[in-house]
Amino acid sequence: MRNQSITYPSTPKKNIPTQEKLNTTGPKASTINDRSSLQKSSDHAALMFNVYEPGHLNDEIDNRKICKDGGTFLKLLILITSAQSHFMARMSIRQTWMHYASRRDVGMAFVLGRTTNATLNESINQENYIYGDMIRGNFIDSYFNLTLKTISMLEWTDTHCPWVKYILKTDDDMFINVPRLLDFIDGKKDTRTIYGRLAKKWKPIRSNKSKSFVSHQQYRGAVYPPFTTGPAYLLTGDIVHELYMHSLRTFYFHLEDVFITGFVAKHLMIRRVHTFYFRNRRIPFHPCNIRNAISVHMIKENEQYDLWRKLMDSTIKCKSVKNYQYFKNITIRI
C-alpha cells in the first residue's frame, strides 16, 4: 500500500545521511539559482533536502478537478512544467490536447515555481483563479531550478494523488497525443518502471557555453547512468513516493532528467524502458507521424492548433500503422 502522507525530518542536520550511506558516485553541487552560481559551484556536496523547500501555493488550485479521490479511479495524470511567463503556451495547450482532461480517468495540470516580479505574480494569480490548474512550488522559477520543479511535481502527486496509475511528466513546448498514450498504457501491468526515450552513455557537457554545462566538481563520471530524456517520460504510480523521498537525500544536480530518472532511479533499481512512441524531438508534421507518436518536442504555440487538427481530422487515413506496430515491441530495459 502506498503512503498517503509525507514525513519530513524535523532536525535536518541530524537526519542527513553520511557519505557512506549515500551513492557517492552521484553529483556534487552547491545551491544553484542561476548560471553564474552554477559555474562557481563548490566542491562541497549539497543534499537536496537542504535545497528544496516543500509545500505548494494551493489557494486557487482545484485539487479535486485535477485528481479526485486521491486518484483512485484516475488512469493518467499529466503534469506539464511551465515557465511563469509562458501564458500563450499554456493557453494553446488548454485549447487543444488538454481537452482530454475532461475525461473522468485523466487529470492534467501545469507545474510552476514562484516569481519576485509583482506584476507577473498577479497575472499568474488571476490565471489560476480562472482555470485552477496551476501547481506552484516554493522555489524561484528558472531553467537551473528544473530539478526543484520536478521534485515539486512528485511531492504534489504523493500528497494529493497517491493512487493514480500513471504520471506523465512533460513540458509546455510539447504536443502530447493523449489517445496514443492511453492506448500505450491500456492493459499494462508493469510496476516500478519509467518509460520514455532512453539515453545511454551520454557524456556530460564540459563547455561552459552550454546551458547543460556540468563541471567536474558537480559530476566526475565520464558518462551519465541511463536516463529517460526530460521533454516527456511516463512513471508508474507506485514509484512516486520513493522517488520523492530519495531525491531529498541525493546530491543536488540541475539536469532534472539525469537526476530523477538517472541517479535516483538507478539507486532505487527502477527500470527505465525505451519506448519508440516517445519521440521527444521535432518531427515532420505529417498527420500519420503525429498520430503514431506519443510526444513531439519543440512545438510553438500556433503549431499546437495545427497538430491538434491533424490528430482529430477523421477524413485523414493512415496506412502506415503496421510499420509502427513493429516498433511497438522494441524496448530496451535498464
Protein backbone atom coordinates (compact mmCIF):
# COMPACT_ATOMS: atom_id res chain seq x y z
CA MET A 1 0.00 0.00 0.00
CA ARG A 2 1.32 3.42 -0.89
CA ASN A 3 1.98 6.07 1.70
CA GLN A 4 -0.56 8.87 1.64
CA SER A 5 1.32 11.18 3.98
CA ILE A 6 4.82 12.64 3.92
CA THR A 7 7.07 12.86 6.93
CA TYR A 8 9.80 15.46 6.88
CA PRO A 9 12.72 15.18 9.31
CA SER A 10 12.35 17.83 12.00
CA THR A 11 16.08 18.32 12.53
CA PRO A 12 17.77 18.34 9.11
CA LYS A 13 21.36 18.32 10.38
CA LYS A 14 20.78 15.14 12.37
CA ASN A 15 18.97 13.39 9.55
CA ILE A 16 21.43 13.98 6.72
CA PRO A 17 22.81 10.61 5.60
CA THR A 18 26.55 10.12 5.75
CA GLN A 19 28.64 9.78 2.59
CA GLU A 20 28.90 6.06 3.25
CA LYS A 21 25.11 5.67 3.21
CA LEU A 22 24.66 7.71 0.05
CA ASN A 23 25.53 6.82 -3.52
CA THR A 24 28.91 8.57 -3.53
CA THR A 25 29.14 8.39 -7.31
CA GLY A 26 26.30 10.91 -7.52
CA PRO A 27 26.80 14.56 -8.47
CA LYS A 28 28.12 17.25 -6.16
CA ALA A 29 26.94 20.84 -6.28
CA SER A 30 26.12 23.86 -4.21
CA THR A 31 22.72 25.52 -4.12
CA ILE A 32 22.17 26.86 -7.62
CA ASN A 33 19.86 29.71 -8.64
CA ASP A 34 21.37 30.93 -11.92
CA ARG A 35 24.07 30.29 -14.48
CA SER A 36 26.78 32.30 -12.70
CA SER A 37 26.38 30.40 -9.45
CA LEU A 38 26.25 27.15 -11.42
CA GLN A 39 29.67 27.83 -12.91
CA LYS A 40 31.06 28.74 -9.48
CA SER A 41 29.74 25.62 -7.76
CA SER A 42 31.97 24.41 -4.95
CA ASP A 43 33.45 21.02 -4.14
CA HIS A 44 31.05 20.64 -1.21
CA ALA A 45 28.09 18.29 -1.61
CA ALA A 46 24.62 19.79 -1.24
CA LEU A 47 21.87 17.35 -0.36
CA MET A 48 18.57 18.17 -1.99
CA PHE A 49 16.98 18.21 1.47
CA ASN A 50 18.96 21.38 2.20
CA VAL A 51 17.99 22.98 -1.12
CA TYR A 52 14.33 22.06 -1.61
CA GLU A 53 11.56 23.79 0.36
CA PRO A 54 8.46 21.57 0.48
CA GLY A 55 4.89 22.77 0.10
CA HIS A 56 2.75 24.44 -2.56
CA LEU A 57 0.65 27.55 -3.03
CA ASN A 58 -2.74 25.93 -3.47
CA ASP A 59 -5.09 28.85 -2.76
CA GLU A 60 -6.59 28.89 -6.25
CA ILE A 61 -5.97 25.36 -7.46
CA ASP A 62 -8.84 22.91 -7.87
CA ASN A 63 -7.28 19.73 -6.48
CA ARG A 64 -10.44 17.68 -6.97
CA LYS A 65 -10.69 18.75 -10.59
CA ILE A 66 -7.13 17.57 -11.25
CA CYS A 67 -7.19 14.45 -9.08
CA LYS A 68 -10.44 13.35 -7.49
CA ASP A 69 -10.45 10.90 -4.57
CA GLY A 70 -6.66 10.76 -4.43
CA GLY A 71 -6.52 9.33 -7.94
CA THR A 72 -8.29 6.08 -7.00
CA PHE A 73 -10.12 5.99 -10.34
CA LEU A 74 -7.55 8.00 -12.32
CA LYS A 75 -5.70 6.18 -15.06
CA LEU A 76 -3.41 9.02 -16.11
CA LEU A 77 -2.16 12.27 -14.58
CA ILE A 78 -0.32 14.63 -16.96
CA LEU A 79 1.79 17.29 -15.26
CA ILE A 80 3.19 19.99 -17.55
CA THR A 81 6.16 22.04 -16.38
CA SER A 82 5.76 25.63 -17.48
CA ALA A 83 7.61 28.93 -17.03
CA GLN A 84 5.81 31.81 -15.34
CA SER A 85 5.75 33.98 -18.48
CA HIS A 86 4.54 31.23 -20.86
CA PHE A 87 0.87 32.24 -20.79
CA MET A 88 0.30 31.68 -24.51
CA ALA A 89 1.93 28.23 -24.38
CA ARG A 90 -0.46 27.23 -21.58
CA MET A 91 -3.47 28.64 -23.43
CA SER A 92 -2.62 26.77 -26.63
CA ILE A 93 -2.42 23.53 -24.65
CA ARG A 94 -5.69 24.24 -22.81
CA GLN A 95 -7.41 24.77 -26.14
CA THR A 96 -6.01 21.61 -27.77
CA TRP A 97 -4.79 18.37 -26.20
CA MET A 98 -5.64 19.40 -22.64
CA HIS A 99 -9.23 18.81 -23.77
CA TYR A 100 -8.71 15.22 -22.63
CA ALA A 101 -8.64 16.41 -19.02
CA SER A 102 -12.43 16.44 -19.29
CA ARG A 103 -12.30 12.64 -19.13
CA ARG A 104 -13.03 11.19 -15.69
CA ASP A 105 -9.93 8.97 -15.83
CA VAL A 106 -7.45 11.70 -16.91
CA GLY A 107 -6.15 14.66 -14.90
CA MET A 108 -3.89 17.49 -16.07
CA ALA A 109 -2.17 20.49 -14.52
CA PHE A 110 0.73 22.87 -15.05
CA VAL A 111 3.66 22.97 -12.61
CA LEU A 112 5.39 26.29 -11.90
CA GLY A 113 7.61 27.93 -9.32
CA ARG A 114 7.48 31.40 -7.78
CA THR A 115 8.49 34.81 -9.05
CA THR A 116 9.67 38.03 -7.40
CA ASN A 117 8.02 40.07 -10.18
CA ALA A 118 4.87 41.51 -8.56
CA THR A 119 3.13 42.22 -11.88
CA LEU A 120 3.80 38.73 -13.23
CA ASN A 121 2.75 37.17 -9.93
CA GLU A 122 -0.61 39.00 -10.04
CA SER A 123 -1.12 37.81 -13.60
CA ILE A 124 -0.42 34.22 -12.54
CA ASN A 125 -2.88 34.57 -9.64
CA GLN A 126 -5.60 35.77 -12.00
CA GLU A 127 -4.89 32.99 -14.48
CA ASN A 128 -5.08 30.35 -11.78
CA TYR A 129 -8.29 31.88 -10.40
CA ILE A 130 -9.89 31.35 -13.81
CA TYR A 131 -8.52 27.91 -14.64
CA GLY A 132 -7.45 26.38 -11.29
CA ASP A 133 -4.91 24.16 -13.00
CA MET A 134 -1.53 25.55 -11.89
CA ILE A 135 0.51 23.86 -9.15
CA ARG A 136 3.07 26.30 -7.73
CA GLY A 137 6.02 25.25 -5.60
CA ASN A 138 8.29 27.15 -3.20
CA PHE A 139 11.23 27.89 -5.50
CA ILE A 140 12.22 30.61 -7.94
CA ASP A 141 11.12 29.59 -11.42
CA SER A 142 14.20 29.32 -13.66
CA TYR A 143 15.92 26.90 -16.01
CA PHE A 144 18.50 25.98 -13.40
CA ASN A 145 15.75 25.07 -10.93
CA LEU A 146 14.04 22.49 -13.15
CA THR A 147 15.09 19.74 -10.77
CA LEU A 148 13.27 21.54 -7.95
CA LYS A 149 10.22 21.81 -10.21
CA THR A 150 10.19 18.07 -10.88
CA ILE A 151 10.58 17.29 -7.18
CA SER A 152 7.70 19.68 -6.50
CA MET A 153 5.65 17.70 -9.02
CA LEU A 154 6.48 14.46 -7.23
CA GLU A 155 5.63 15.95 -3.84
CA TRP A 156 2.25 17.23 -5.03
CA THR A 157 1.38 13.89 -6.60
CA ASP A 158 2.46 11.97 -3.50
CA THR A 159 0.31 14.25 -1.32
CA HIS A 160 -2.80 14.78 -3.43
CA CYS A 161 -2.88 11.94 -5.98
CA PRO A 162 -1.15 8.89 -4.42
CA TRP A 163 -3.36 6.28 -6.11
CA VAL A 164 -3.03 7.38 -9.75
CA LYS A 165 -1.82 4.57 -12.03
CA TYR A 166 0.47 6.57 -14.35
CA ILE A 167 2.03 10.03 -14.33
CA LEU A 168 3.37 11.74 -17.45
CA LYS A 169 5.91 14.48 -16.82
CA THR A 170 6.15 16.79 -19.82
CA ASP A 171 6.89 20.41 -20.83
CA ASP A 172 4.83 23.26 -22.27
CA ASP A 173 6.56 23.08 -25.67
CA MET A 174 5.32 19.54 -26.25
CA PHE A 175 2.44 18.10 -28.21
CA ILE A 176 1.06 15.05 -26.42
CA ASN A 177 -1.05 12.54 -28.31
CA VAL A 178 -3.23 11.55 -25.37
CA PRO A 179 -5.23 8.82 -27.20
CA ARG A 180 -1.96 7.12 -28.24
CA LEU A 181 -0.67 7.40 -24.67
CA LEU A 182 -3.86 5.87 -23.27
CA ASP A 183 -3.60 3.05 -25.80
CA PHE A 184 0.00 2.51 -24.74
CA ILE A 185 -0.78 2.12 -21.03
CA ASP A 186 -4.03 0.20 -21.54
CA GLY A 187 -3.65 -3.32 -20.21
CA LYS A 188 -0.11 -2.82 -18.95
CA LYS A 189 0.71 -4.37 -15.59
CA ASP A 190 4.31 -3.23 -15.19
CA THR A 191 5.39 -1.81 -11.85
CA ARG A 192 8.41 0.26 -10.80
CA THR A 193 9.01 1.45 -14.35
CA ILE A 194 9.80 4.66 -16.24
CA TYR A 195 9.00 4.77 -19.97
CA GLY A 196 10.46 7.25 -22.42
CA ARG A 197 13.33 7.96 -24.77
CA LEU A 198 16.23 6.16 -23.14
CA ALA A 199 19.60 7.93 -23.26
CA LYS A 200 22.57 5.58 -22.80
CA LYS A 201 26.21 6.53 -22.33
CA TRP A 202 25.56 10.26 -22.68
CA LYS A 203 28.59 12.30 -21.70
CA PRO A 204 28.46 15.42 -19.53
CA ILE A 205 28.91 18.65 -21.47
CA ARG A 206 32.04 20.34 -20.19
CA SER A 207 31.77 23.54 -22.25
CA ASN A 208 30.65 26.44 -20.07
CA LYS A 209 28.98 27.99 -23.12
CA SER A 210 26.21 25.38 -22.95
CA LYS A 211 23.19 25.62 -20.67
CA SER A 212 23.76 21.92 -19.95
CA PHE A 213 27.30 22.60 -18.73
CA VAL A 214 28.41 20.30 -15.91
CA SER A 215 31.71 20.87 -14.13
CA HIS A 216 33.97 18.09 -12.85
CA GLN A 217 33.13 19.28 -9.33
CA GLN A 218 29.44 18.63 -9.96
CA TYR A 219 29.91 15.23 -11.62
CA ARG A 220 33.19 13.41 -12.08
CA GLY A 221 31.93 10.47 -14.12
CA ALA A 222 32.72 10.03 -17.83
CA VAL A 223 29.10 9.17 -18.71
CA TYR A 224 25.70 9.50 -17.05
CA PRO A 225 23.74 6.44 -15.97
CA PRO A 226 20.96 5.55 -18.43
CA PHE A 227 18.09 8.04 -18.12
CA THR A 228 14.92 8.99 -19.98
CA THR A 229 15.08 12.41 -21.62
CA GLY A 230 13.18 15.22 -19.94
CA PRO A 231 10.69 16.52 -22.53
CA ALA A 232 8.33 13.63 -21.69
CA TYR A 233 8.54 10.46 -19.63
CA LEU A 234 5.95 8.20 -18.02
CA LEU A 235 6.10 6.94 -14.43
CA THR A 236 4.16 4.08 -12.89
CA GLY A 237 2.33 5.45 -9.89
CA ASP A 238 3.90 3.06 -7.39
CA ILE A 239 7.32 4.77 -7.54
CA VAL A 240 6.31 8.39 -6.88
CA HIS A 241 6.72 8.32 -3.10
CA GLU A 242 10.14 6.69 -3.07
CA LEU A 243 11.40 8.88 -5.95
CA TYR A 244 10.37 11.94 -3.97
CA MET A 245 11.78 10.81 -0.65
CA HIS A 246 15.09 9.55 -2.02
CA SER A 247 15.58 12.64 -4.17
CA LEU A 248 15.73 14.68 -0.95
CA ARG A 249 18.66 12.57 0.19
CA THR A 250 20.59 12.79 -3.07
CA PHE A 251 23.16 15.39 -4.09
CA TYR A 252 21.73 18.35 -5.97
CA PHE A 253 22.03 18.25 -9.77
CA HIS A 254 20.42 20.78 -12.12
CA LEU A 255 19.65 18.43 -15.07
CA GLU A 256 16.33 17.09 -13.86
CA ASP A 257 16.06 14.10 -16.20
CA VAL A 258 19.55 12.88 -15.33
CA PHE A 259 18.85 13.47 -11.64
CA ILE A 260 15.40 11.83 -11.35
CA THR A 261 15.44 9.08 -14.00
CA GLY A 262 19.20 8.55 -13.88
CA PHE A 263 20.80 8.93 -10.44
CA VAL A 264 17.73 8.46 -8.25
CA ALA A 265 16.03 5.75 -10.34
CA LYS A 266 19.28 3.78 -10.63
CA HIS A 267 19.80 3.85 -6.86
CA LEU A 268 16.23 2.62 -6.33
CA MET A 269 16.64 -0.06 -9.03
CA ILE A 270 13.69 1.30 -11.03
CA ARG A 271 13.53 0.09 -14.63
CA ARG A 272 13.93 2.57 -17.45
CA VAL A 273 12.29 1.35 -20.67
CA HIS A 274 12.98 2.82 -24.11
CA THR A 275 9.71 3.36 -25.98
CA PHE A 276 9.67 4.41 -29.64
CA TYR A 277 6.46 6.42 -29.34
CA PHE A 278 8.20 8.94 -27.10
CA ARG A 279 9.87 10.92 -29.87
CA ASN A 280 10.87 13.86 -27.64
CA ARG A 281 12.13 15.78 -30.65
CA ARG A 282 10.69 17.75 -33.53
CA ILE A 283 9.44 15.54 -36.36
CA PRO A 284 7.78 16.24 -39.75
CA PHE A 285 4.18 17.31 -39.19
CA HIS A 286 2.63 14.63 -41.38
CA PRO A 287 -0.69 13.56 -39.82
CA CYS A 288 0.35 9.92 -39.58
CA ASN A 289 3.62 10.86 -37.87
CA ILE A 290 1.64 12.79 -35.27
CA ARG A 291 -0.91 10.04 -34.75
CA ASN A 292 1.73 7.39 -34.15
CA ALA A 293 3.82 9.42 -31.69
CA ILE A 294 3.09 10.00 -28.02
CA SER A 295 5.26 13.10 -27.62
CA VAL A 296 6.61 15.67 -30.07
CA HIS A 297 9.07 18.34 -28.92
CA MET A 298 9.80 22.00 -29.75
CA ILE A 299 6.21 22.90 -30.64
CA LYS A 300 5.33 26.59 -30.85
CA GLU A 301 2.03 27.95 -29.56
CA ASN A 302 0.45 28.34 -33.01
CA GLU A 303 1.63 24.86 -34.06
CA GLN A 304 -0.35 23.19 -31.27
CA TYR A 305 -3.56 24.00 -33.16
CA ASP A 306 -2.22 22.59 -36.42
CA LEU A 307 -1.18 19.30 -34.81
CA TRP A 308 -4.46 19.09 -32.91
CA ARG A 309 -6.39 19.48 -36.17
CA LYS A 310 -4.31 16.76 -37.83
CA LEU A 311 -4.87 14.45 -34.88
CA MET A 312 -8.63 14.98 -34.85
CA ASP A 313 -9.36 15.08 -38.60
CA SER A 314 -11.31 11.89 -39.28
CA THR A 315 -11.02 12.31 -43.05
CA ILE A 316 -7.27 11.61 -42.93
CA LYS A 317 -6.43 7.91 -43.22
CA CYS A 318 -3.06 6.47 -42.23
CA LYS A 319 -1.71 3.40 -43.99
CA SER A 320 1.48 3.03 -42.01
CA VAL A 321 0.14 1.73 -38.70
CA LYS A 322 1.67 -1.72 -39.33
CA ASN A 323 5.10 -0.16 -39.72
CA TYR A 324 4.76 1.49 -36.33
CA GLN A 325 3.44 -1.73 -34.85
CA TYR A 326 6.91 -3.18 -35.47
CA PHE A 327 8.48 -0.59 -33.24
CA LYS A 328 5.90 -1.14 -30.52
CA ASN A 329 7.62 -4.34 -29.48
CA ILE A 330 11.14 -2.91 -29.45
CA THR A 331 12.08 -1.97 -25.91
CA ILE A 332 15.33 -1.59 -24.02
CA ARG A 333 15.10 -2.17 -20.30
CA ILE A 334 17.68 -0.97 -17.80
